[in-house]
Amino acid sequence: MKTILYVIFLFAGLCFSQQINAQEKCTCTKCNGEGMCDEDTPRKCNFCTGGYNTCNTCDGDGQEPCYRCNETGIAQVTCSACGGSGKLNGENCGTCGGDGLEDMSCINCEGKGWNKCHSCGGEGRFLCNMCGGDGEKYWRNTCPKCGGSGQTDCP
């Protein structure tokens, strides 16, 4: 069914009208009205390498520094011999040297000075969410039939 549109043009103070025949628009059959189409073959993913992205927290090594021991693997705790007073029987404690603290292996990192990265679980990488780990994907492009409008002239 054809629709007749009347368009009025104003130019330099002169008025004139012209009849334009415009055809009704229908949903594009190539893209089902979406305006975008999937490519026919997959291409390499632009967002990852081999389906994975490097973890930003640990820069890919799967480890992060231990905050409790400041990466030393040793934590200072209250001296067990003097209870932190630094004195034992009126003299400096022999265990802590009088400062009330003694060194022990850090329980947070088990004396390593680092922990498994909390972001990637120690993997150093993440599965790419763009290609789902395939390393390639079917990209969506503007539909060549309707130019992205989702509508074409009706047959």
N, C-alpha and C. Protein backbone atom coordinates (compact mmCIF):
# COMPACT_ATOMS: atom_id res chain seq x y z
N MET A 1 0.84 -1.17 0.00
CA MET A 1 0.00 0.00 0.00
C MET A 1 0.89 1.24 0.00
N LYS A 2 0.62 2.16 -0.88
CA LYS A 2 1.41 3.38 -0.99
C LYS A 2 0.72 4.50 -0.24
N THR A 3 1.52 5.34 0.36
CA THR A 3 1.01 6.50 1.07
C THR A 3 1.48 7.74 0.33
N ILE A 4 0.64 8.70 0.27
CA ILE A 4 1.00 9.95 -0.41
C ILE A 4 1.30 10.99 0.66
N LEU A 5 2.47 11.57 0.58
CA LEU A 5 2.87 12.61 1.51
C LEU A 5 2.91 13.95 0.79
N TYR A 6 2.45 14.96 1.45
CA TYR A 6 2.54 16.30 0.89
C TYR A 6 3.60 17.05 1.67
N VAL A 7 4.56 17.59 0.98
CA VAL A 7 5.64 18.33 1.60
C VAL A 7 5.56 19.77 1.09
N ILE A 8 5.60 20.69 2.01
CA ILE A 8 5.56 22.10 1.64
C ILE A 8 6.95 22.68 1.86
N PHE A 9 7.48 23.30 0.82
CA PHE A 9 8.80 23.90 0.88
C PHE A 9 8.66 25.42 0.92
N LEU A 10 9.40 26.03 1.76
CA LEU A 10 9.45 27.48 1.84
C LEU A 10 10.82 27.91 1.36
N PHE A 11 10.87 28.71 0.35
CA PHE A 11 12.15 29.15 -0.16
C PHE A 11 12.02 30.57 -0.65
N ALA A 12 12.80 31.49 -0.08
CA ALA A 12 12.84 32.90 -0.48
C ALA A 12 11.44 33.52 -0.54
N GLY A 13 10.63 33.17 0.43
CA GLY A 13 9.30 33.78 0.50
C GLY A 13 8.29 33.17 -0.44
N LEU A 14 8.65 32.20 -1.26
CA LEU A 14 7.72 31.58 -2.18
C LEU A 14 7.28 30.24 -1.62
N CYS A 15 6.06 29.98 -1.70
CA CYS A 15 5.53 28.70 -1.21
C CYS A 15 5.15 27.84 -2.40
N PHE A 16 5.48 26.59 -2.31
CA PHE A 16 4.99 25.65 -3.31
C PHE A 16 4.91 24.29 -2.65
N SER A 17 4.10 23.43 -3.16
CA SER A 17 3.95 22.09 -2.59
C SER A 17 4.25 21.07 -3.68
N GLN A 18 4.67 19.93 -3.20
CA GLN A 18 4.99 18.86 -4.14
C GLN A 18 4.50 17.55 -3.54
N GLN A 19 3.95 16.70 -4.36
CA GLN A 19 3.46 15.41 -3.92
C GLN A 19 4.61 14.41 -4.03
N ILE A 20 4.86 13.67 -2.93
CA ILE A 20 5.92 12.66 -2.92
C ILE A 20 5.28 11.32 -2.61
N ASN A 21 5.61 10.35 -3.39
CA ASN A 21 5.13 8.99 -3.13
C ASN A 21 6.14 8.29 -2.22
N ALA A 22 5.70 7.86 -1.06
CA ALA A 22 6.57 7.15 -0.14
C ALA A 22 5.99 5.77 0.09
N GLN A 23 6.86 4.79 0.03
CA GLN A 23 6.41 3.42 0.21
C GLN A 23 6.45 3.09 1.69
N GLU A 24 5.52 2.28 2.15
CA GLU A 24 5.52 1.87 3.55
C GLU A 24 6.78 1.08 3.85
N LYS A 25 7.18 1.11 5.10
CA LYS A 25 8.37 0.38 5.53
C LYS A 25 7.95 -0.90 6.24
N CYS A 26 8.72 -1.95 6.01
CA CYS A 26 8.49 -3.24 6.64
C CYS A 26 9.74 -3.66 7.41
N THR A 27 9.58 -4.60 8.30
CA THR A 27 10.71 -5.11 9.07
C THR A 27 11.69 -5.79 8.14
N CYS A 28 12.95 -5.44 8.27
CA CYS A 28 14.01 -6.02 7.44
C CYS A 28 14.11 -7.51 7.74
N THR A 29 14.07 -8.32 6.70
CA THR A 29 14.12 -9.77 6.88
C THR A 29 15.53 -10.29 7.16
N LYS A 30 16.55 -9.56 6.75
CA LYS A 30 17.93 -10.02 6.97
C LYS A 30 18.31 -9.93 8.45
N CYS A 31 17.89 -8.86 9.12
CA CYS A 31 18.27 -8.68 10.53
C CYS A 31 17.08 -8.79 11.48
N ASN A 32 15.90 -9.11 10.97
CA ASN A 32 14.67 -9.21 11.76
C ASN A 32 14.37 -7.92 12.51
N GLY A 33 14.70 -6.79 11.92
CA GLY A 33 14.39 -5.50 12.50
C GLY A 33 15.37 -5.01 13.55
N GLU A 34 16.44 -5.76 13.80
CA GLU A 34 17.42 -5.36 14.81
C GLU A 34 18.40 -4.31 14.28
N GLY A 35 18.61 -4.27 12.99
CA GLY A 35 19.56 -3.33 12.41
C GLY A 35 20.99 -3.81 12.43
N MET A 36 21.24 -4.94 13.10
CA MET A 36 22.57 -5.52 13.20
C MET A 36 22.51 -6.99 12.79
N CYS A 37 23.59 -7.47 12.17
CA CYS A 37 23.65 -8.86 11.73
C CYS A 37 24.95 -9.49 12.25
N ASP A 38 24.89 -10.78 12.56
CA ASP A 38 26.11 -11.52 12.91
C ASP A 38 26.88 -11.82 11.64
N GLU A 39 28.20 -11.81 11.76
CA GLU A 39 29.03 -12.19 10.62
C GLU A 39 28.86 -13.68 10.36
N ASP A 40 29.21 -14.10 9.15
CA ASP A 40 29.05 -15.50 8.77
C ASP A 40 30.14 -16.39 9.36
N THR A 41 31.32 -15.85 9.56
CA THR A 41 32.43 -16.62 10.13
C THR A 41 33.04 -15.87 11.31
N PRO A 42 33.53 -16.59 12.30
CA PRO A 42 34.13 -15.91 13.45
C PRO A 42 35.48 -15.30 13.10
N ARG A 43 35.80 -14.20 13.81
CA ARG A 43 37.11 -13.57 13.68
C ARG A 43 37.77 -13.55 15.05
N LYS A 44 39.09 -13.35 15.06
CA LYS A 44 39.86 -13.29 16.29
C LYS A 44 39.27 -12.22 17.21
N CYS A 45 39.20 -12.54 18.51
CA CYS A 45 38.67 -11.62 19.51
C CYS A 45 39.66 -10.47 19.70
N ASN A 46 39.17 -9.24 19.69
CA ASN A 46 40.00 -8.05 19.88
C ASN A 46 40.24 -7.72 21.35
N PHE A 47 39.60 -8.44 22.26
CA PHE A 47 39.64 -8.09 23.67
C PHE A 47 40.49 -9.02 24.52
N CYS A 48 41.07 -10.06 23.92
CA CYS A 48 41.83 -11.02 24.72
C CYS A 48 42.93 -11.67 23.88
N THR A 49 43.69 -12.51 24.55
CA THR A 49 44.69 -13.33 23.88
C THR A 49 44.35 -14.78 24.18
N GLY A 50 43.97 -15.51 23.17
CA GLY A 50 43.65 -16.92 23.35
C GLY A 50 42.47 -17.19 24.26
N GLY A 51 41.56 -16.26 24.39
CA GLY A 51 40.36 -16.47 25.20
C GLY A 51 40.49 -16.00 26.64
N TYR A 52 41.66 -15.47 27.00
CA TYR A 52 41.88 -15.02 28.39
C TYR A 52 42.42 -13.60 28.45
N ASN A 53 42.14 -12.92 29.56
CA ASN A 53 42.67 -11.60 29.85
C ASN A 53 43.56 -11.70 31.09
N THR A 54 44.63 -10.93 31.11
CA THR A 54 45.53 -10.92 32.26
C THR A 54 44.85 -10.22 33.43
N CYS A 55 45.03 -10.77 34.62
CA CYS A 55 44.46 -10.18 35.84
C CYS A 55 45.16 -8.86 36.14
N ASN A 56 44.38 -7.81 36.34
CA ASN A 56 44.94 -6.49 36.65
C ASN A 56 45.45 -6.38 38.08
N THR A 57 44.90 -7.16 38.98
CA THR A 57 45.31 -7.09 40.38
C THR A 57 46.73 -7.60 40.58
N CYS A 58 47.05 -8.75 39.98
CA CYS A 58 48.36 -9.37 40.20
C CYS A 58 49.28 -9.28 38.98
N ASP A 59 48.83 -8.61 37.94
CA ASP A 59 49.59 -8.49 36.69
C ASP A 59 49.96 -9.84 36.09
N GLY A 60 49.14 -10.83 36.35
CA GLY A 60 49.32 -12.13 35.71
C GLY A 60 50.17 -13.13 36.45
N ASP A 61 50.74 -12.78 37.61
CA ASP A 61 51.57 -13.77 38.29
C ASP A 61 50.80 -14.60 39.33
N GLY A 62 49.53 -14.27 39.57
CA GLY A 62 48.70 -15.07 40.47
C GLY A 62 48.95 -14.82 41.95
N GLN A 63 49.83 -13.88 42.27
CA GLN A 63 50.17 -13.61 43.66
C GLN A 63 49.95 -12.14 43.99
N GLU A 64 49.64 -11.89 45.24
CA GLU A 64 49.57 -10.52 45.73
C GLU A 64 50.32 -10.45 47.05
N PRO A 65 50.92 -9.29 47.36
CA PRO A 65 51.71 -9.17 48.58
C PRO A 65 50.87 -9.35 49.84
N CYS A 66 51.46 -9.92 50.87
CA CYS A 66 50.79 -10.07 52.15
C CYS A 66 50.81 -8.73 52.87
N TYR A 67 49.63 -8.23 53.21
CA TYR A 67 49.54 -6.93 53.88
C TYR A 67 49.90 -7.04 55.36
N ARG A 68 49.67 -8.20 55.96
CA ARG A 68 49.88 -8.34 57.40
C ARG A 68 51.36 -8.27 57.78
N CYS A 69 52.23 -8.92 56.99
CA CYS A 69 53.65 -8.95 57.33
C CYS A 69 54.48 -8.04 56.45
N ASN A 70 53.81 -7.31 55.58
CA ASN A 70 54.50 -6.39 54.67
C ASN A 70 55.50 -7.12 53.78
N GLU A 71 55.08 -8.30 53.31
CA GLU A 71 55.83 -9.15 52.38
C GLU A 71 57.10 -9.77 52.98
N THR A 72 57.27 -9.71 54.29
CA THR A 72 58.48 -10.28 54.90
C THR A 72 58.31 -11.74 55.28
N GLY A 73 57.07 -12.19 55.48
CA GLY A 73 56.82 -13.56 55.94
C GLY A 73 56.92 -13.67 57.45
N ILE A 74 57.29 -12.58 58.11
CA ILE A 74 57.46 -12.58 59.57
C ILE A 74 56.55 -11.52 60.17
N ALA A 75 55.82 -11.90 61.20
CA ALA A 75 54.95 -10.96 61.90
C ALA A 75 55.42 -10.82 63.33
N GLN A 76 55.28 -9.65 63.87
CA GLN A 76 55.63 -9.44 65.26
C GLN A 76 54.37 -9.55 66.11
N VAL A 77 54.50 -10.34 67.18
CA VAL A 77 53.38 -10.55 68.08
C VAL A 77 53.85 -10.26 69.50
N THR A 78 52.89 -10.16 70.39
CA THR A 78 53.23 -9.94 71.80
C THR A 78 54.07 -11.10 72.31
N CYS A 79 55.13 -10.77 72.99
CA CYS A 79 56.05 -11.77 73.50
C CYS A 79 55.31 -12.72 74.45
N SER A 80 55.46 -14.00 74.20
CA SER A 80 54.79 -15.01 75.02
C SER A 80 55.45 -15.18 76.38
N ALA A 81 56.72 -14.83 76.48
CA ALA A 81 57.44 -15.02 77.75
C ALA A 81 57.10 -13.93 78.76
N CYS A 82 57.09 -12.67 78.31
CA CYS A 82 56.87 -11.56 79.26
C CYS A 82 55.50 -10.93 79.14
N GLY A 83 54.69 -11.41 78.21
CA GLY A 83 53.34 -10.86 78.01
C GLY A 83 53.34 -9.47 77.42
N GLY A 84 54.46 -9.05 76.82
CA GLY A 84 54.55 -7.75 76.17
C GLY A 84 55.12 -6.66 77.04
N SER A 85 55.45 -6.98 78.28
CA SER A 85 55.98 -5.95 79.18
C SER A 85 57.46 -5.65 78.91
N GLY A 86 58.17 -6.60 78.33
CA GLY A 86 59.59 -6.44 78.05
C GLY A 86 60.47 -6.78 79.26
N LYS A 87 59.86 -7.05 80.40
CA LYS A 87 60.58 -7.37 81.63
C LYS A 87 60.17 -8.75 82.14
N LEU A 88 61.15 -9.42 82.66
CA LEU A 88 60.90 -10.72 83.26
C LEU A 88 61.78 -10.81 84.50
N ASN A 89 61.15 -10.96 85.65
CA ASN A 89 61.86 -10.99 86.93
C ASN A 89 62.72 -9.74 87.12
N GLY A 90 62.18 -8.58 86.72
CA GLY A 90 62.86 -7.31 86.93
C GLY A 90 63.96 -7.01 85.93
N GLU A 91 64.20 -7.87 85.00
CA GLU A 91 65.24 -7.64 83.99
C GLU A 91 64.62 -7.70 82.60
N ASN A 92 65.39 -7.21 81.59
CA ASN A 92 64.91 -7.31 80.22
C ASN A 92 64.66 -8.78 79.88
N CYS A 93 63.53 -8.98 79.18
CA CYS A 93 63.16 -10.33 78.77
C CYS A 93 64.16 -10.85 77.76
N GLY A 94 64.66 -12.06 77.96
CA GLY A 94 65.63 -12.66 77.03
C GLY A 94 65.00 -13.09 75.72
N THR A 95 63.71 -13.34 75.72
CA THR A 95 63.04 -13.80 74.50
C THR A 95 62.84 -12.65 73.52
N CYS A 96 62.39 -11.49 74.02
CA CYS A 96 62.08 -10.38 73.12
C CYS A 96 63.12 -9.26 73.18
N GLY A 97 64.12 -9.39 74.03
CA GLY A 97 65.15 -8.36 74.15
C GLY A 97 64.65 -7.09 74.82
N GLY A 98 63.51 -7.18 75.46
CA GLY A 98 62.99 -6.04 76.20
C GLY A 98 61.99 -5.17 75.44
N ASP A 99 61.72 -5.47 74.18
CA ASP A 99 60.76 -4.62 73.45
C ASP A 99 59.32 -5.15 73.52
N GLY A 100 59.12 -6.31 74.12
CA GLY A 100 57.77 -6.86 74.30
C GLY A 100 57.20 -7.55 73.09
N LEU A 101 57.95 -7.63 72.00
CA LEU A 101 57.48 -8.28 70.76
C LEU A 101 58.44 -9.39 70.36
N GLU A 102 57.89 -10.41 69.78
CA GLU A 102 58.73 -11.48 69.24
C GLU A 102 58.30 -11.79 67.81
N ASP A 103 59.25 -12.24 67.02
CA ASP A 103 58.97 -12.59 65.63
C ASP A 103 58.44 -14.00 65.53
N MET A 104 57.47 -14.16 64.63
CA MET A 104 56.98 -15.50 64.32
C MET A 104 56.56 -15.53 62.85
N SER A 105 56.44 -16.71 62.34
CA SER A 105 56.03 -16.85 60.95
C SER A 105 54.62 -16.30 60.79
N CYS A 106 54.42 -15.49 59.75
CA CYS A 106 53.12 -14.85 59.50
C CYS A 106 52.07 -15.93 59.24
N ILE A 107 50.97 -15.87 60.01
CA ILE A 107 49.91 -16.86 59.82
C ILE A 107 49.03 -16.53 58.61
N ASN A 108 49.05 -15.28 58.18
CA ASN A 108 48.23 -14.88 57.04
C ASN A 108 48.76 -15.47 55.73
N CYS A 109 50.09 -15.46 55.56
CA CYS A 109 50.68 -15.95 54.30
C CYS A 109 51.52 -17.22 54.52
N GLU A 110 51.47 -17.76 55.75
CA GLU A 110 52.24 -18.96 56.10
C GLU A 110 53.74 -18.75 55.90
N GLY A 111 54.19 -17.53 56.13
CA GLY A 111 55.61 -17.21 56.06
C GLY A 111 56.17 -17.00 54.67
N LYS A 112 55.30 -16.95 53.66
CA LYS A 112 55.76 -16.79 52.27
C LYS A 112 55.94 -15.32 51.87
N GLY A 113 55.22 -14.43 52.50
CA GLY A 113 55.28 -13.01 52.14
C GLY A 113 54.30 -12.64 51.04
N TRP A 114 53.56 -13.59 50.53
CA TRP A 114 52.56 -13.34 49.49
C TRP A 114 51.39 -14.31 49.66
N ASN A 115 50.30 -13.97 49.06
CA ASN A 115 49.11 -14.82 49.06
C ASN A 115 48.61 -15.01 47.64
N LYS A 116 47.79 -16.01 47.47
CA LYS A 116 47.14 -16.22 46.18
C LYS A 116 46.26 -15.01 45.90
N CYS A 117 46.32 -14.51 44.68
CA CYS A 117 45.55 -13.33 44.28
C CYS A 117 44.06 -13.57 44.54
N HIS A 118 43.44 -12.63 45.24
CA HIS A 118 42.03 -12.77 45.56
C HIS A 118 41.12 -12.53 44.34
N SER A 119 41.61 -11.81 43.37
CA SER A 119 40.78 -11.50 42.19
C SER A 119 40.68 -12.67 41.22
N CYS A 120 41.81 -13.29 40.91
CA CYS A 120 41.81 -14.37 39.90
C CYS A 120 41.99 -15.75 40.50
N GLY A 121 42.09 -15.83 41.84
CA GLY A 121 42.26 -17.12 42.49
C GLY A 121 43.61 -17.76 42.22
N GLY A 122 44.60 -16.95 41.87
CA GLY A 122 45.95 -17.45 41.61
C GLY A 122 46.19 -17.89 40.18
N GLU A 123 45.20 -17.75 39.33
CA GLU A 123 45.34 -18.15 37.93
C GLU A 123 46.13 -17.13 37.11
N GLY A 124 46.09 -15.88 37.50
CA GLY A 124 46.80 -14.83 36.77
C GLY A 124 46.06 -14.35 35.53
N ARG A 125 44.88 -14.92 35.30
CA ARG A 125 44.11 -14.54 34.11
C ARG A 125 42.63 -14.81 34.34
N PHE A 126 41.82 -14.21 33.49
CA PHE A 126 40.38 -14.38 33.51
C PHE A 126 39.90 -14.87 32.15
N LEU A 127 38.84 -15.62 32.16
CA LEU A 127 38.18 -16.01 30.92
C LEU A 127 37.58 -14.75 30.30
N CYS A 128 37.83 -14.53 29.03
CA CYS A 128 37.33 -13.34 28.33
C CYS A 128 35.80 -13.39 28.27
N ASN A 129 35.17 -12.30 28.72
CA ASN A 129 33.71 -12.27 28.69
C ASN A 129 33.17 -11.85 27.32
N MET A 130 34.03 -11.42 26.41
CA MET A 130 33.56 -11.05 25.07
C MET A 130 33.43 -12.27 24.17
N CYS A 131 34.37 -13.19 24.26
CA CYS A 131 34.33 -14.37 23.39
C CYS A 131 34.06 -15.65 24.16
N GLY A 132 33.92 -15.55 25.48
CA GLY A 132 33.64 -16.73 26.29
C GLY A 132 34.79 -17.72 26.36
N GLY A 133 36.00 -17.26 26.07
CA GLY A 133 37.18 -18.13 26.13
C GLY A 133 37.50 -18.82 24.82
N ASP A 134 36.74 -18.55 23.77
CA ASP A 134 37.00 -19.17 22.47
C ASP A 134 38.16 -18.53 21.73
N GLY A 135 38.48 -17.28 22.03
CA GLY A 135 39.54 -16.57 21.33
C GLY A 135 39.09 -15.98 20.01
N GLU A 136 37.87 -16.27 19.63
CA GLU A 136 37.27 -15.71 18.41
C GLU A 136 35.78 -15.58 18.64
N LYS A 137 35.15 -14.73 17.86
CA LYS A 137 33.72 -14.55 18.02
C LYS A 137 33.07 -14.08 16.73
N TYR A 138 31.78 -14.29 16.67
CA TYR A 138 30.99 -13.77 15.56
C TYR A 138 30.63 -12.33 15.92
N TRP A 139 31.18 -11.40 15.19
CA TRP A 139 30.94 -9.99 15.48
C TRP A 139 29.63 -9.55 14.88
N ARG A 140 29.01 -8.54 15.46
CA ARG A 140 27.77 -7.98 14.94
C ARG A 140 28.11 -6.68 14.23
N ASN A 141 27.56 -6.54 13.03
CA ASN A 141 27.81 -5.36 12.21
C ASN A 141 26.48 -4.77 11.76
N THR A 142 26.54 -3.55 11.28
CA THR A 142 25.35 -2.90 10.74
C THR A 142 24.82 -3.71 9.56
N CYS A 143 23.55 -3.94 9.56
CA CYS A 143 22.92 -4.73 8.49
C CYS A 143 23.10 -4.03 7.15
N PRO A 144 23.66 -4.75 6.15
CA PRO A 144 23.87 -4.12 4.85
C PRO A 144 22.57 -3.88 4.07
N LYS A 145 21.52 -4.63 4.39
CA LYS A 145 20.27 -4.50 3.65
C LYS A 145 19.49 -3.25 4.07
N CYS A 146 19.40 -2.99 5.38
CA CYS A 146 18.62 -1.85 5.84
C CYS A 146 19.47 -0.69 6.36
N GLY A 147 20.80 -0.86 6.35
CA GLY A 147 21.69 0.19 6.81
C GLY A 147 21.59 0.48 8.31
N GLY A 148 21.07 -0.48 9.05
CA GLY A 148 20.99 -0.33 10.50
C GLY A 148 19.66 0.21 11.01
N SER A 149 18.75 0.52 10.09
CA SER A 149 17.46 1.08 10.51
C SER A 149 16.48 0.00 10.97
N GLY A 150 16.68 -1.23 10.52
CA GLY A 150 15.76 -2.31 10.86
C GLY A 150 14.53 -2.34 9.98
N GLN A 151 14.41 -1.37 9.06
CA GLN A 151 13.25 -1.27 8.18
C GLN A 151 13.69 -1.22 6.72
N THR A 152 12.92 -1.84 5.86
CA THR A 152 13.17 -1.79 4.41
C THR A 152 11.86 -1.50 3.71
N ASP A 153 11.97 -1.14 2.43
CA ASP A 153 10.75 -0.92 1.66
C ASP A 153 9.99 -2.24 1.55
N CYS A 154 8.69 -2.17 1.67
CA CYS A 154 7.86 -3.38 1.59
C CYS A 154 7.84 -3.87 0.14
N PRO A 155 7.78 -5.17 -0.01
CA PRO A 155 7.76 -5.73 -1.39
C PRO A 155 6.48 -5.40 -2.13
